[in-house]
């Protein structure tokens, strides 16, 4: 008995999505080690830095499940492309 092959695995798409996910996680994890520089250069207190860190984590906690829910209802290609475009737009703006 043979099982019909209904879907093929596209390695290029999996690699691209993995790379995008890694880049997003790397970027968000890169901020925490430089918090002491925020204290020194921006004259922030540790409390203020803690509020910034907590806000970042809380927003991720809220946004990720919401975006996952929406992603299940739209075509994956357009959703992945839209997410990539938003990332390309907003990561440079975060440095302003």
N, C-alpha and C. Protein backbone atom coordinates (compact mmCIF):
# COMPACT_ATOMS: atom_id res chain seq x y z
N UNK A 1 0.84 -1.17 0.00
CA UNK A 1 0.00 0.00 0.00
C UNK A 1 0.89 1.24 0.00
N UNK A 2 0.63 2.13 -0.92
CA UNK A 2 1.39 3.37 -0.97
C UNK A 2 0.50 4.53 -0.55
N UNK A 3 1.12 5.45 0.12
CA UNK A 3 0.39 6.64 0.58
C UNK A 3 0.61 7.74 -0.45
N UNK A 4 -0.47 8.33 -0.97
CA UNK A 4 -0.29 9.39 -1.97
C UNK A 4 0.39 10.61 -1.35
N UNK A 5 1.27 11.18 -2.13
CA UNK A 5 1.99 12.36 -1.67
C UNK A 5 1.15 13.59 -2.00
N UNK A 6 0.51 14.16 -0.99
CA UNK A 6 -0.38 15.29 -1.23
C UNK A 6 0.34 16.62 -1.15
N UNK A 7 1.39 16.68 -0.38
CA UNK A 7 2.14 17.92 -0.25
C UNK A 7 3.62 17.60 -0.30
N UNK A 8 4.35 18.44 -0.98
CA UNK A 8 5.80 18.28 -0.98
C UNK A 8 6.39 19.35 -0.06
N UNK A 9 7.50 19.03 0.51
CA UNK A 9 8.17 19.97 1.41
C UNK A 9 9.07 20.86 0.57
N UNK A 10 8.87 22.15 0.69
CA UNK A 10 9.70 23.10 -0.03
C UNK A 10 10.78 23.59 0.93
N UNK A 11 11.97 23.07 0.75
CA UNK A 11 13.09 23.38 1.65
C UNK A 11 13.44 24.86 1.62
N UNK A 12 13.34 25.50 0.48
CA UNK A 12 13.67 26.93 0.38
C UNK A 12 12.73 27.77 1.25
N UNK A 13 11.46 27.46 1.23
CA UNK A 13 10.50 28.21 2.04
C UNK A 13 10.75 27.96 3.53
N UNK A 14 11.00 26.72 3.89
CA UNK A 14 11.28 26.41 5.29
C UNK A 14 12.54 27.12 5.75
N UNK A 15 13.57 27.13 4.92
CA UNK A 15 14.81 27.82 5.27
C UNK A 15 14.58 29.32 5.42
N UNK A 16 13.84 29.92 4.50
CA UNK A 16 13.58 31.36 4.57
C UNK A 16 12.79 31.71 5.83
N UNK A 17 11.76 30.94 6.14
CA UNK A 17 10.97 31.20 7.34
C UNK A 17 11.80 31.00 8.61
N UNK A 18 12.65 29.99 8.60
CA UNK A 18 13.54 29.76 9.75
C UNK A 18 14.50 30.92 9.93
N UNK A 19 15.05 31.40 8.84
CA UNK A 19 15.98 32.53 8.90
C UNK A 19 15.29 33.79 9.42
N UNK A 20 14.09 34.05 8.94
CA UNK A 20 13.34 35.22 9.40
C UNK A 20 13.02 35.10 10.89
N UNK A 21 12.60 33.92 11.31
CA UNK A 21 12.28 33.71 12.72
C UNK A 21 13.53 33.87 13.59
N UNK A 22 14.64 33.31 13.14
CA UNK A 22 15.90 33.44 13.88
C UNK A 22 16.30 34.90 13.99
N UNK A 23 16.19 35.64 12.89
CA UNK A 23 16.58 37.05 12.90
C UNK A 23 15.72 37.85 13.88
N UNK A 24 14.43 37.60 13.88
CA UNK A 24 13.55 38.30 14.82
C UNK A 24 13.87 37.98 16.27
N UNK A 25 14.10 36.70 16.56
CA UNK A 25 14.46 36.30 17.93
C UNK A 25 15.82 36.86 18.32
N UNK A 26 16.76 36.85 17.39
CA UNK A 26 18.10 37.37 17.68
C UNK A 26 18.01 38.86 17.99
N UNK A 27 17.25 39.58 17.20
CA UNK A 27 17.11 41.02 17.42
C UNK A 27 16.49 41.31 18.78
N UNK A 28 15.43 40.61 19.12
CA UNK A 28 14.78 40.88 20.40
C UNK A 28 15.65 40.46 21.58
N UNK A 29 16.47 39.44 21.40
CA UNK A 29 17.36 39.00 22.48
C UNK A 29 18.60 39.88 22.58
N UNK A 30 18.92 40.59 21.53
CA UNK A 30 20.12 41.42 21.51
C UNK A 30 19.97 42.66 22.38
N UNK A 31 18.75 43.09 22.62
CA UNK A 31 18.50 44.32 23.38
C UNK A 31 18.87 44.16 24.85
N UNK A 32 18.55 43.05 25.46
CA UNK A 32 18.76 42.86 26.91
C UNK A 32 20.20 43.08 27.36
N UNK A 33 21.21 42.55 26.68
CA UNK A 33 22.57 42.77 27.16
C UNK A 33 23.04 44.22 27.10
N UNK A 34 22.37 45.06 26.32
CA UNK A 34 22.82 46.45 26.25
C UNK A 34 22.01 47.38 27.17
N UNK A 35 21.17 46.83 28.01
CA UNK A 35 20.43 47.66 28.97
C UNK A 35 21.36 48.47 29.88
N UNK A 36 22.48 47.93 30.35
CA UNK A 36 23.38 48.77 31.16
C UNK A 36 23.87 50.01 30.41
N UNK A 37 24.01 49.91 29.10
CA UNK A 37 24.40 51.09 28.32
C UNK A 37 23.28 52.13 28.33
N UNK A 38 22.02 51.67 28.35
CA UNK A 38 20.91 52.61 28.45
C UNK A 38 20.98 53.38 29.77
N UNK A 39 21.32 52.66 30.83
CA UNK A 39 21.42 53.31 32.14
C UNK A 39 22.48 54.40 32.09
N UNK A 40 23.62 54.07 31.51
CA UNK A 40 24.74 55.01 31.49
C UNK A 40 24.53 56.15 30.49
N UNK A 41 24.22 55.82 29.27
CA UNK A 41 24.16 56.83 28.20
C UNK A 41 22.90 57.68 28.24
N UNK A 42 21.79 57.11 28.63
CA UNK A 42 20.52 57.83 28.62
C UNK A 42 20.08 58.29 30.00
N UNK A 43 20.93 58.05 30.99
CA UNK A 43 20.65 58.44 32.38
C UNK A 43 19.32 57.86 32.86
N UNK A 44 19.10 56.59 32.55
CA UNK A 44 17.90 55.91 33.01
C UNK A 44 18.19 55.18 34.31
N UNK A 45 17.17 55.02 35.12
CA UNK A 45 17.32 54.22 36.33
C UNK A 45 17.09 52.75 35.97
N UNK A 46 17.48 51.86 36.86
CA UNK A 46 17.25 50.44 36.63
C UNK A 46 15.74 50.14 36.59
N UNK A 47 14.97 50.92 37.34
CA UNK A 47 13.51 50.75 37.30
C UNK A 47 12.97 51.07 35.92
N UNK A 48 13.44 52.16 35.33
CA UNK A 48 12.99 52.53 33.98
C UNK A 48 13.39 51.47 32.96
N UNK A 49 14.60 50.96 33.08
CA UNK A 49 15.05 49.91 32.16
C UNK A 49 14.21 48.65 32.36
N UNK A 50 13.87 48.34 33.61
CA UNK A 50 13.01 47.20 33.88
C UNK A 50 11.62 47.36 33.29
N UNK A 51 11.11 48.58 33.33
CA UNK A 51 9.80 48.85 32.72
C UNK A 51 9.88 48.67 31.21
N UNK A 52 10.96 49.12 30.60
CA UNK A 52 11.15 48.94 29.16
C UNK A 52 11.20 47.45 28.82
N UNK A 53 11.99 46.70 29.58
CA UNK A 53 12.12 45.26 29.32
C UNK A 53 10.79 44.54 29.53
N UNK A 54 10.10 44.89 30.60
CA UNK A 54 8.81 44.26 30.87
C UNK A 54 7.77 44.58 29.81
N UNK A 55 7.79 45.81 29.33
CA UNK A 55 6.86 46.21 28.27
C UNK A 55 7.13 45.43 26.99
N UNK A 56 8.41 45.25 26.67
CA UNK A 56 8.76 44.47 25.47
C UNK A 56 8.24 43.04 25.58
N UNK A 57 8.46 42.41 26.72
CA UNK A 57 8.03 41.03 26.91
C UNK A 57 6.50 40.92 26.93
N UNK A 58 5.85 41.88 27.57
CA UNK A 58 4.39 41.86 27.63
C UNK A 58 3.78 42.02 26.24
N UNK A 59 4.34 42.94 25.45
CA UNK A 59 3.83 43.12 24.09
C UNK A 59 4.01 41.86 23.26
N UNK A 60 5.16 41.20 23.41
CA UNK A 60 5.38 39.93 22.70
C UNK A 60 4.36 38.89 23.15
N UNK A 61 4.07 38.86 24.44
CA UNK A 61 3.10 37.92 25.00
C UNK A 61 1.71 38.13 24.41
N UNK A 62 1.35 39.38 24.18
CA UNK A 62 0.03 39.71 23.64
C UNK A 62 0.00 39.55 22.12
N UNK A 63 1.02 40.05 21.45
CA UNK A 63 1.00 40.10 19.99
C UNK A 63 1.19 38.73 19.35
N UNK A 64 2.08 37.91 19.86
CA UNK A 64 2.38 36.63 19.20
C UNK A 64 1.16 35.72 19.07
N UNK A 65 0.39 35.47 20.12
CA UNK A 65 -0.80 34.63 19.92
C UNK A 65 -1.84 35.27 19.00
N UNK A 66 -1.97 36.59 19.08
CA UNK A 66 -2.93 37.29 18.22
C UNK A 66 -2.54 37.15 16.76
N UNK A 67 -1.28 37.36 16.47
CA UNK A 67 -0.79 37.23 15.10
C UNK A 67 -0.89 35.77 14.64
N UNK A 68 -0.63 34.84 15.51
CA UNK A 68 -0.78 33.42 15.17
C UNK A 68 -2.21 33.08 14.80
N UNK A 69 -3.15 33.62 15.55
CA UNK A 69 -4.57 33.39 15.26
C UNK A 69 -4.93 33.95 13.88
N UNK A 70 -4.47 35.16 13.60
CA UNK A 70 -4.75 35.78 12.30
C UNK A 70 -4.06 35.02 11.18
N UNK A 71 -2.84 34.56 11.43
CA UNK A 71 -2.08 33.85 10.40
C UNK A 71 -2.76 32.56 9.98
N UNK A 72 -3.50 31.96 10.87
CA UNK A 72 -4.21 30.73 10.53
C UNK A 72 -5.39 30.98 9.60
N UNK A 73 -5.79 32.23 9.43
CA UNK A 73 -6.96 32.54 8.62
C UNK A 73 -6.63 33.16 7.27
N UNK A 74 -5.37 33.46 7.00
CA UNK A 74 -4.97 34.06 5.73
C UNK A 74 -3.96 33.15 5.04
N UNK A 75 -3.82 33.30 3.72
CA UNK A 75 -2.82 32.49 3.01
C UNK A 75 -1.43 32.73 3.58
N UNK A 76 -0.72 31.65 3.81
CA UNK A 76 0.58 31.75 4.49
C UNK A 76 1.59 32.57 3.70
N UNK A 77 1.56 32.50 2.39
CA UNK A 77 2.53 33.24 1.60
C UNK A 77 2.37 34.75 1.78
N UNK A 78 1.15 35.25 1.67
CA UNK A 78 0.93 36.69 1.81
C UNK A 78 1.19 37.14 3.25
N UNK A 79 0.85 36.30 4.20
CA UNK A 79 1.06 36.66 5.60
C UNK A 79 2.55 36.71 5.92
N UNK A 80 3.32 35.74 5.44
CA UNK A 80 4.76 35.73 5.67
C UNK A 80 5.43 36.91 4.99
N UNK A 81 5.00 37.24 3.79
CA UNK A 81 5.56 38.38 3.08
C UNK A 81 5.23 39.68 3.80
N UNK A 82 4.00 39.81 4.27
CA UNK A 82 3.61 41.01 5.01
C UNK A 82 4.40 41.16 6.30
N UNK A 83 4.61 40.06 7.01
CA UNK A 83 5.41 40.11 8.23
C UNK A 83 6.84 40.50 7.96
N UNK A 84 7.39 39.98 6.89
CA UNK A 84 8.76 40.33 6.51
C UNK A 84 8.86 41.81 6.17
N UNK A 85 7.90 42.33 5.42
CA UNK A 85 7.92 43.74 5.07
C UNK A 85 7.78 44.64 6.30
N UNK A 86 6.91 44.26 7.23
CA UNK A 86 6.78 45.04 8.46
C UNK A 86 8.08 45.02 9.27
N UNK A 87 8.73 43.87 9.31
CA UNK A 87 10.00 43.76 10.02
C UNK A 87 11.06 44.65 9.39
N UNK A 88 11.15 44.59 8.07
CA UNK A 88 12.13 45.41 7.35
C UNK A 88 11.86 46.89 7.57
N UNK A 89 10.61 47.27 7.71
CA UNK A 89 10.26 48.66 7.93
C UNK A 89 10.53 49.12 9.36
N UNK A 90 10.12 48.32 10.34
CA UNK A 90 10.13 48.80 11.72
C UNK A 90 11.44 48.58 12.47
N UNK A 91 12.25 47.61 12.11
CA UNK A 91 13.53 47.44 12.81
C UNK A 91 14.43 48.66 12.61
N UNK A 92 14.58 49.19 11.40
CA UNK A 92 15.38 50.42 11.28
C UNK A 92 14.76 51.61 12.00
N UNK A 93 13.43 51.69 12.02
CA UNK A 93 12.77 52.80 12.71
C UNK A 93 12.97 52.73 14.22
N UNK A 94 13.21 51.55 14.75
CA UNK A 94 13.41 51.42 16.19
C UNK A 94 14.71 52.06 16.64
N UNK A 95 15.61 52.32 15.72
CA UNK A 95 16.87 52.96 16.07
C UNK A 95 16.80 54.47 16.09
N UNK A 96 15.67 55.04 15.71
CA UNK A 96 15.56 56.50 15.68
C UNK A 96 15.40 57.11 17.03
